[in-house]
Amino acid sequence: MASAPDDSFDQAAAAAIAEAQSWLEAHPVTPDTDRKAWLRELVDSGWSAPSWPVEEYGRGLAPKVARATDQVFRPTDLTGWGQDVTNLWAATITTWARPELKQEMLRDLLLGEVDMCLLYSEPGAGSDLASVQTRAERDGDEWIVNGQKVWTSSGRQADYGFLISRTDSSQPKHRGMTFFLIPMKQPGVEVRPLRQATGDSRFNEVFLTDARVADANMLGDLNGGWHVLTSALAYERSVMGVTQKRKKQSAEVVRDLTSEKSAPVPDLSLIELATERGVVGDSGIRQDLMRLHSWRTVNAWNNQRGKAALSKGTSSPVVSLGKLAMSRMLHFGGSLQAEILGSEAMLGGEDHPDGADATYAMLNAFFTSIGGGTDQIQRNIIGERILGLPKEPEVDKGVPFSEVRISG
């Protein structure tokens, strides 16, 4: 027998939507609006992160009810709403930090007034983050940190970093780690840019030499950093699964390829490019365009599932599906762009901007294949936690980290 409609949810959602609409009507945005001032009002009102407690800049709404209010803000060009599921930094802080640290950091993070970076991967600990060797040693009410991190985005401008470090080598590698919020603008923190295949330098390596972090900046429990890390990674993968799209390949439009009738179609820029190059009638190109669109549609539904779990404060393996799917779509989209251009895709420079853009798209796709957990790691998570396949052998399980052989 079909379940009865949830009248209590419908009533709560309708009331919340009406409140959000009233707030937006009372705080309209015009060309003369001070956007920063408007964002401050949004954050202070709780509509920036409505599923969080009121004392943490939320409105205390149930997660499903909070997501129902997204429809009020989504049609606008406003930013700053929905941060309870899209702001990796604030979400991790509100889940794991002590009350004093929340009070100090949350509002500035929601306002975007603090630059952040991730200090996870190391030269010998990339896909296997449980092998990190950066160590933190207690010194009174502070910790002294020494080690090296790599593939750090935004390291040069960051004010703080999320740091996973080894605090007890006598414990097995998944334990004995602690998670900190470490200040980046201090002696002992050296950031060096890394040049990528695209010519960008969006990643950095970070050297930590007697850097200091307050004990009050610990997230989660001492030696319990693995739990904080997996939670933060789930937020990161969810966000990447939604937002890691190059601007030229992100907009969905309403247009039909065969008639004037309106219908949802894939990517405006790729359709325009295929039209300009006279290949929009090619059956193979059209099939690939719709394949890309189908993948994006299904991935959007999947991301809604992942966000629902994250908004409840739980870590869901579903976000790994979205992360892996986004990687696949970016690789496929870059290759399709090159296919549309034909031989011009081999050219570049100012005289051939479309060719240069296709090359960039294909090379930049590897960013998503690596960042936030490699494609291979996502497949392991999907296989073990969604499909129920046996775990890979762990020869170092239960072995003190000090006795584990570290490759490289």
Protein backbone atom coordinates (compact mmCIF):
# COMPACT_ATOMS: atom_id res chain seq x y z
CA MET A 1 0.00 0.00 0.00
CA ALA A 2 1.37 3.42 -0.91
CA SER A 3 2.44 5.56 2.01
CA ALA A 4 0.32 8.54 2.91
CA PRO A 5 1.63 12.00 2.05
CA ASP A 6 3.70 13.60 4.78
CA ASP A 7 1.37 16.47 5.66
CA SER A 8 3.62 17.68 8.47
CA PHE A 9 6.56 18.04 6.06
CA ASP A 10 4.40 19.78 3.45
CA GLN A 11 3.16 22.26 6.03
CA ALA A 12 6.65 22.92 7.42
CA ALA A 13 8.10 23.33 3.93
CA ALA A 14 5.31 25.69 2.87
CA ALA A 15 5.79 27.81 5.99
CA ALA A 16 9.56 27.97 5.48
CA ILE A 17 9.19 28.88 1.81
CA ALA A 18 6.78 31.67 2.73
CA GLU A 19 9.25 32.98 5.34
CA ALA A 20 12.11 32.91 2.84
CA GLN A 21 10.02 34.73 0.25
CA SER A 22 9.05 37.39 2.78
CA TRP A 23 12.68 37.88 3.76
CA LEU A 24 13.75 38.19 0.14
CA GLU A 25 10.98 40.67 -0.61
CA ALA A 26 12.10 42.74 2.38
CA HIS A 27 15.71 42.61 1.21
CA PRO A 28 15.56 43.11 -2.56
CA VAL A 29 18.72 43.37 -4.61
CA THR A 30 18.94 46.23 -7.08
CA PRO A 31 21.83 47.51 -9.21
CA ASP A 32 22.61 49.93 -6.37
CA THR A 33 22.62 47.29 -3.64
CA ASP A 34 25.79 46.82 -1.62
CA ARG A 35 26.21 43.08 -2.21
CA LYS A 36 28.54 42.59 0.75
CA ALA A 37 26.10 44.30 3.09
CA TRP A 38 23.25 42.21 1.65
CA LEU A 39 25.25 39.01 2.23
CA ARG A 40 25.86 40.01 5.84
CA GLU A 41 22.12 40.39 6.33
CA LEU A 42 21.53 37.00 4.68
CA VAL A 43 24.06 35.24 6.91
CA ASP A 44 22.79 36.93 10.07
CA SER A 45 19.21 36.00 9.17
CA GLY A 46 20.08 32.30 9.00
CA TRP A 47 18.96 31.87 5.38
CA SER A 48 22.52 31.24 4.24
CA ALA A 49 22.59 27.90 6.09
CA PRO A 50 18.98 27.20 7.11
CA SER A 51 19.50 23.62 8.37
CA TRP A 52 22.05 24.68 10.99
CA PRO A 53 21.16 25.68 14.56
CA VAL A 54 20.17 29.30 15.13
CA GLU A 55 23.27 29.90 17.27
CA GLU A 56 25.40 28.76 14.31
CA TYR A 57 23.92 31.16 11.75
CA GLY A 58 21.12 28.84 10.71
CA ARG A 59 17.37 28.67 11.23
CA GLY A 60 17.14 25.23 12.81
CA LEU A 61 15.08 23.80 9.95
CA ALA A 62 14.96 20.08 9.24
CA PRO A 63 17.31 19.30 6.32
CA LYS A 64 14.52 18.43 3.86
CA VAL A 65 12.59 21.55 4.81
CA ALA A 66 15.73 23.67 4.43
CA ARG A 67 16.31 22.31 0.94
CA ALA A 68 12.73 23.15 -0.01
CA THR A 69 13.57 26.84 0.52
CA ASP A 70 16.33 26.68 -2.10
CA GLN A 71 13.66 27.23 -4.74
CA VAL A 72 13.17 30.75 -3.41
CA PHE A 73 16.79 31.79 -3.97
CA ARG A 74 17.76 29.60 -6.94
CA PRO A 75 15.94 31.63 -9.66
CA THR A 76 17.83 34.78 -8.63
CA ASP A 77 21.41 35.70 -9.47
CA LEU A 78 22.17 35.92 -5.76
CA THR A 79 24.97 34.03 -4.07
CA GLY A 80 25.53 33.00 -0.48
CA TRP A 81 22.46 30.80 0.06
CA GLY A 82 22.58 27.02 0.53
CA GLN A 83 25.95 27.11 2.24
CA ASP A 84 24.95 24.41 4.70
CA VAL A 85 25.59 21.93 1.86
CA THR A 86 28.02 23.82 -0.39
CA ASN A 87 30.51 25.49 1.96
CA LEU A 88 33.11 22.80 2.71
CA TRP A 89 34.94 24.95 5.24
CA ALA A 90 31.97 26.15 7.28
CA ALA A 91 30.25 22.76 7.17
CA THR A 92 33.33 21.02 8.56
CA ILE A 93 33.75 23.66 11.27
CA THR A 94 30.13 23.50 12.36
CA THR A 95 30.26 19.69 12.51
CA TRP A 96 33.56 19.22 14.35
CA ALA A 97 34.88 22.42 15.96
CA ARG A 98 34.56 23.48 19.58
CA PRO A 99 31.95 26.19 20.33
CA GLU A 100 34.59 28.91 20.77
CA LEU A 101 36.15 28.16 17.38
CA LYS A 102 32.74 28.12 15.73
CA GLN A 103 31.99 31.54 17.20
CA GLU A 104 35.32 32.85 15.94
CA MET A 105 35.24 31.41 12.42
CA LEU A 106 31.76 30.56 11.14
CA ARG A 107 30.44 34.00 10.23
CA ASP A 108 33.62 35.02 8.39
CA LEU A 109 33.60 31.72 6.47
CA LEU A 110 29.99 32.19 5.42
CA LEU A 111 30.80 35.74 4.34
CA GLY A 112 33.75 34.52 2.31
CA GLU A 113 36.11 36.76 4.24
CA VAL A 114 38.59 33.98 5.09
CA ASP A 115 40.72 32.23 2.46
CA MET A 116 41.21 28.52 3.07
CA CYS A 117 43.22 25.58 1.76
CA LEU A 118 43.49 21.82 2.32
CA LEU A 119 46.67 20.34 3.75
CA TYR A 120 45.98 16.65 3.18
CA SER A 121 48.09 15.00 0.45
CA GLU A 122 51.80 14.39 0.81
CA PRO A 123 54.48 13.10 -1.59
CA GLY A 124 54.07 9.65 -0.02
CA ALA A 125 50.40 9.90 0.91
CA GLY A 126 48.13 10.85 -1.97
CA SER A 127 45.36 8.34 -2.54
CA ASP A 128 46.12 6.72 0.82
CA LEU A 129 45.76 9.66 3.17
CA ALA A 130 46.03 7.36 6.16
CA SER A 131 49.77 7.22 5.40
CA VAL A 132 50.43 10.90 6.18
CA GLN A 133 53.75 11.49 7.92
CA THR A 134 53.47 15.18 8.77
CA ARG A 135 53.67 15.15 12.54
CA ALA A 136 52.32 17.42 15.25
CA GLU A 137 53.88 17.38 18.72
CA ARG A 138 52.28 19.00 21.73
CA ASP A 139 53.98 22.01 23.30
CA GLY A 140 51.79 23.24 26.15
CA ASP A 141 48.55 24.60 24.70
CA GLU A 142 50.01 24.52 21.18
CA TRP A 143 51.22 21.92 18.70
CA ILE A 144 54.44 22.13 16.68
CA VAL A 145 54.00 20.86 13.11
CA ASN A 146 56.67 19.53 10.73
CA GLY A 147 56.19 17.93 7.34
CA GLN A 148 55.36 18.50 3.68
CA LYS A 149 52.04 18.74 1.86
CA VAL A 150 51.42 18.79 -1.89
CA TRP A 151 48.66 19.56 -4.45
CA THR A 152 47.40 22.37 -2.23
CA SER A 153 44.99 24.70 -4.02
CA SER A 154 44.92 28.36 -2.90
CA GLY A 155 47.90 27.82 -0.63
CA ARG A 156 49.51 31.16 -1.44
CA GLN A 157 46.54 33.31 -0.44
CA ALA A 158 45.09 31.11 2.30
CA ASP A 159 44.65 32.48 5.81
CA TYR A 160 44.03 29.02 7.30
CA GLY A 161 44.38 25.41 6.25
CA PHE A 162 42.63 22.18 7.18
CA LEU A 163 45.56 20.03 8.35
CA ILE A 164 45.66 16.28 8.92
CA SER A 165 48.74 15.29 10.90
CA ARG A 166 50.23 12.32 12.77
CA THR A 167 50.04 12.75 16.54
CA ASP A 168 50.63 9.17 17.74
CA SER A 169 52.73 6.79 15.64
CA SER A 170 52.18 3.93 18.08
CA GLN A 171 48.62 3.56 16.83
CA PRO A 172 47.53 1.97 13.49
CA LYS A 173 47.61 4.34 10.53
CA HIS A 174 43.87 5.12 10.50
CA ARG A 175 44.17 6.19 14.12
CA GLY A 176 46.76 8.38 15.76
CA MET A 177 45.95 11.29 13.39
CA THR A 178 44.52 14.64 14.43
CA PHE A 179 42.76 17.33 12.39
CA PHE A 180 43.60 21.02 12.92
CA LEU A 181 42.72 24.45 11.58
CA ILE A 182 46.22 25.89 11.19
CA PRO A 183 47.10 29.56 10.48
CA MET A 184 49.00 29.85 7.18
CA LYS A 185 50.41 33.36 7.64
CA GLN A 186 53.16 32.47 10.10
CA PRO A 187 56.88 31.67 10.20
CA GLY A 188 57.52 28.04 9.31
CA VAL A 189 54.94 27.84 6.51
CA GLU A 190 56.50 27.99 3.03
CA VAL A 191 54.30 27.71 -0.08
CA ARG A 192 55.80 26.91 -3.50
CA PRO A 193 53.68 26.90 -6.69
CA LEU A 194 53.56 23.84 -8.97
CA ARG A 195 53.24 24.33 -12.73
CA GLN A 196 50.57 22.17 -14.39
CA ALA A 197 50.27 20.75 -17.90
CA THR A 198 47.71 23.48 -18.68
CA GLY A 199 50.29 26.18 -17.86
CA ASP A 200 48.41 27.16 -14.70
CA SER A 201 49.87 27.04 -11.22
CA ARG A 202 46.76 26.43 -9.17
CA PHE A 203 48.45 23.85 -6.96
CA ASN A 204 51.25 24.27 -4.48
CA GLU A 205 53.53 22.29 -2.23
CA VAL A 206 53.65 23.44 1.39
CA PHE A 207 56.60 22.96 3.73
CA LEU A 208 55.85 23.09 7.46
CA THR A 209 58.89 23.68 9.68
CA ASP A 210 58.12 24.15 13.38
CA ALA A 211 54.82 25.79 12.45
CA ARG A 212 52.42 26.25 15.34
CA VAL A 213 48.71 25.65 15.86
CA ALA A 214 46.69 26.16 19.02
CA ASP A 215 45.15 23.16 20.74
CA ALA A 216 41.87 25.10 20.64
CA ASN A 217 42.02 24.79 16.82
CA MET A 218 41.70 21.00 16.96
CA LEU A 219 38.66 19.65 15.09
CA GLY A 220 37.20 16.49 16.54
CA ASP A 221 39.06 14.40 19.09
CA LEU A 222 42.77 13.91 19.67
CA ASN A 223 43.91 11.01 17.44
CA GLY A 224 40.44 10.92 15.89
CA GLY A 225 41.31 12.97 12.83
CA TRP A 226 40.40 10.21 10.35
CA HIS A 227 36.70 10.66 11.13
CA VAL A 228 36.94 14.41 10.56
CA LEU A 229 38.90 13.88 7.34
CA THR A 230 36.40 11.45 5.82
CA SER A 231 33.57 13.84 6.67
CA ALA A 232 35.41 16.79 5.10
CA LEU A 233 36.26 14.72 2.01
CA ALA A 234 32.59 13.83 1.60
CA TYR A 235 31.68 17.53 1.62
CA GLU A 236 34.47 18.25 -0.86
CA ARG A 237 33.41 15.50 -3.26
CA SER A 238 29.81 16.63 -3.11
CA VAL A 239 30.79 20.20 -3.94
CA MET A 240 33.15 19.11 -6.73
CA GLY A 241 30.46 16.86 -8.18
CA VAL A 242 28.25 19.92 -8.59
CA THR A 243 30.57 22.82 -9.31
CA GLN A 244 33.69 21.53 -11.07
CA LYS A 245 32.56 22.62 -14.52
CA ARG A 246 34.40 25.04 -16.74
CA LYS A 247 32.26 28.09 -17.41
CA LYS A 248 32.12 27.38 -21.13
CA GLN A 249 30.68 23.94 -20.38
CA SER A 250 28.29 24.63 -17.52
CA ALA A 251 25.09 26.29 -18.71
CA GLU A 252 22.01 24.26 -19.55
CA VAL A 253 19.57 25.97 -21.88
CA VAL A 254 16.13 25.41 -23.35
CA ARG A 255 16.37 24.72 -27.04
CA ASP A 256 15.64 21.81 -29.37
CA LEU A 257 18.13 20.63 -31.99
CA THR A 258 15.52 19.58 -34.51
CA SER A 259 12.69 22.08 -34.23
CA GLU A 260 11.54 25.31 -32.66
CA LYS A 261 9.87 23.35 -29.87
CA SER A 262 11.40 23.98 -26.47
CA ALA A 263 13.13 21.03 -24.79
CA PRO A 264 16.04 20.60 -22.38
CA VAL A 265 19.32 20.06 -24.20
CA PRO A 266 22.96 19.67 -23.15
CA ASP A 267 25.49 22.45 -23.36
CA LEU A 268 24.88 25.75 -25.10
CA SER A 269 28.54 26.43 -25.90
CA LEU A 270 29.11 23.00 -27.46
CA ILE A 271 25.88 23.26 -29.46
CA GLU A 272 26.87 26.70 -30.70
CA LEU A 273 30.33 25.42 -31.58
CA ALA A 274 28.87 22.46 -33.50
CA THR A 275 26.50 24.84 -35.31
CA GLU A 276 29.30 27.26 -36.21
CA ARG A 277 31.43 24.40 -37.57
CA GLY A 278 28.58 22.91 -39.60
CA VAL A 279 28.56 19.56 -37.80
CA VAL A 280 25.40 19.96 -35.73
CA GLY A 281 23.62 17.67 -38.17
CA ASP A 282 26.17 14.90 -37.75
CA SER A 283 24.39 11.99 -36.07
CA GLY A 284 27.46 10.99 -34.05
CA ILE A 285 27.97 14.52 -32.71
CA ARG A 286 24.29 14.86 -31.83
CA GLN A 287 24.30 11.53 -30.04
CA ASP A 288 27.35 12.55 -28.01
CA LEU A 289 25.77 15.89 -27.10
CA MET A 290 22.69 14.14 -25.76
CA ARG A 291 24.78 11.51 -24.01
CA LEU A 292 26.58 14.30 -22.16
CA HIS A 293 23.26 15.92 -21.31
CA SER A 294 21.85 12.62 -20.02
CA TRP A 295 24.85 12.07 -17.78
CA ARG A 296 24.53 15.58 -16.34
CA THR A 297 20.82 15.13 -15.67
CA VAL A 298 21.30 11.83 -13.86
CA ASN A 299 24.26 13.25 -11.93
CA ALA A 300 22.14 16.21 -10.79
CA TRP A 301 19.60 13.76 -9.33
CA ASN A 302 22.38 11.78 -7.67
CA ASN A 303 23.88 14.94 -6.17
CA GLN A 304 20.54 15.72 -4.58
CA ARG A 305 20.75 12.36 -2.80
CA GLY A 306 24.28 13.10 -1.62
CA LYS A 307 23.38 16.57 -0.41
CA ALA A 308 20.40 15.23 1.53
CA ALA A 309 22.71 12.86 3.43
CA LEU A 310 25.32 15.56 4.08
CA SER A 311 22.72 18.01 5.34
CA LYS A 312 21.86 15.45 8.04
CA GLY A 313 25.48 15.43 9.16
CA THR A 314 26.24 11.99 7.73
CA SER A 315 28.83 10.88 5.20
CA SER A 316 27.35 9.10 2.19
CA PRO A 317 29.24 7.04 -0.42
CA VAL A 318 26.76 8.41 -2.97
CA VAL A 319 28.90 11.56 -3.30
CA SER A 320 31.65 9.38 -4.77
CA LEU A 321 29.31 8.55 -7.65
CA GLY A 322 28.86 12.27 -8.34
CA LYS A 323 32.60 12.93 -8.10
CA LEU A 324 33.43 10.10 -10.51
CA ALA A 325 30.63 11.10 -12.87
CA MET A 326 31.82 14.71 -13.02
CA SER A 327 35.32 13.53 -13.89
CA ARG A 328 33.91 11.37 -16.68
CA MET A 329 31.80 14.23 -18.04
CA LEU A 330 34.68 16.69 -18.12
CA HIS A 331 36.92 14.24 -19.98
CA PHE A 332 34.12 13.40 -22.40
CA GLY A 333 33.17 17.06 -22.89
CA GLY A 334 36.77 18.04 -23.68
CA SER A 335 37.11 15.21 -26.18
CA LEU A 336 33.77 16.12 -27.76
CA GLN A 337 34.91 19.72 -28.10
CA ALA A 338 38.02 18.49 -29.92
CA GLU A 339 35.92 16.18 -32.11
CA ILE A 340 33.72 19.09 -33.17
CA LEU A 341 36.79 21.16 -34.11
CA GLY A 342 38.51 18.37 -35.98
CA SER A 343 42.15 19.02 -36.87
CA GLU A 344 41.98 22.57 -35.46
CA ALA A 345 41.96 21.02 -32.00
CA MET A 346 45.67 20.32 -32.51
CA LEU A 347 46.40 24.05 -32.84
CA GLY A 348 46.58 26.75 -30.18
CA GLY A 349 47.67 30.26 -29.38
CA GLU A 350 45.88 33.54 -30.05
CA ASP A 351 45.27 32.63 -33.69
CA HIS A 352 43.35 29.49 -32.73
CA PRO A 353 41.47 30.20 -29.47
CA ASP A 354 38.95 27.39 -29.98
CA GLY A 355 41.74 24.86 -30.40
CA ALA A 356 43.53 26.21 -27.35
CA ASP A 357 40.30 26.02 -25.35
CA ALA A 358 39.71 22.39 -26.35
CA THR A 359 43.26 21.47 -25.34
CA TYR A 360 42.80 23.21 -22.01
CA ALA A 361 39.49 21.41 -21.42
CA MET A 362 41.06 18.01 -22.06
CA LEU A 363 44.09 18.64 -19.87
CA ASN A 364 42.17 20.37 -17.09
CA ALA A 365 39.80 17.41 -16.78
CA PHE A 366 42.59 15.54 -15.01
CA PHE A 367 42.25 18.03 -12.14
CA THR A 368 38.92 16.47 -11.18
CA SER A 369 40.27 12.96 -11.76
CA ILE A 370 42.88 13.61 -9.06
CA GLY A 371 41.64 16.35 -6.73
CA GLY A 372 39.35 15.40 -3.86
CA GLY A 373 40.30 11.73 -4.21
CA THR A 374 41.34 10.02 -7.42
CA ASP A 375 38.93 8.26 -9.76
CA GLN A 376 40.42 4.96 -8.60
CA ILE A 377 39.67 5.77 -4.96
CA GLN A 378 36.08 6.68 -5.87
CA ARG A 379 35.70 3.32 -7.62
CA ASN A 380 36.96 1.54 -4.51
CA ILE A 381 34.44 3.42 -2.35
CA ILE A 382 31.60 2.69 -4.77
CA GLY A 383 32.58 -0.97 -5.00
CA GLU A 384 32.88 -1.51 -1.27
CA ARG A 385 30.25 0.78 0.23
CA ILE A 386 27.56 0.84 -2.48
CA LEU A 387 27.95 -2.46 -4.37
CA GLY A 388 29.04 -4.43 -1.31
CA LEU A 389 32.15 -5.92 -2.92
CA PRO A 390 34.95 -7.29 -0.70
CA LYS A 391 37.50 -4.77 0.56
CA GLU A 392 41.02 -4.76 -0.79
CA PRO A 393 43.56 -6.61 1.40
CA GLU A 394 45.07 -4.43 4.15
CA VAL A 395 48.37 -5.96 5.16
CA ASP A 396 49.07 -3.10 7.57
CA LYS A 397 45.69 -3.21 9.32
CA GLY A 398 46.15 -3.01 13.09
CA VAL A 399 49.91 -2.49 12.77
CA PRO A 400 51.37 0.54 14.62
CA PHE A 401 52.17 3.24 12.08
CA SER A 402 55.78 3.36 13.30
CA GLU A 403 56.18 -0.22 12.06
CA VAL A 404 54.50 0.25 8.67
CA ARG A 405 56.77 0.27 5.62
CA ILE A 406 56.17 3.49 3.69
CA SER A 407 56.80 3.23 -0.04
CA GLY A 408 58.82 5.88 -1.83
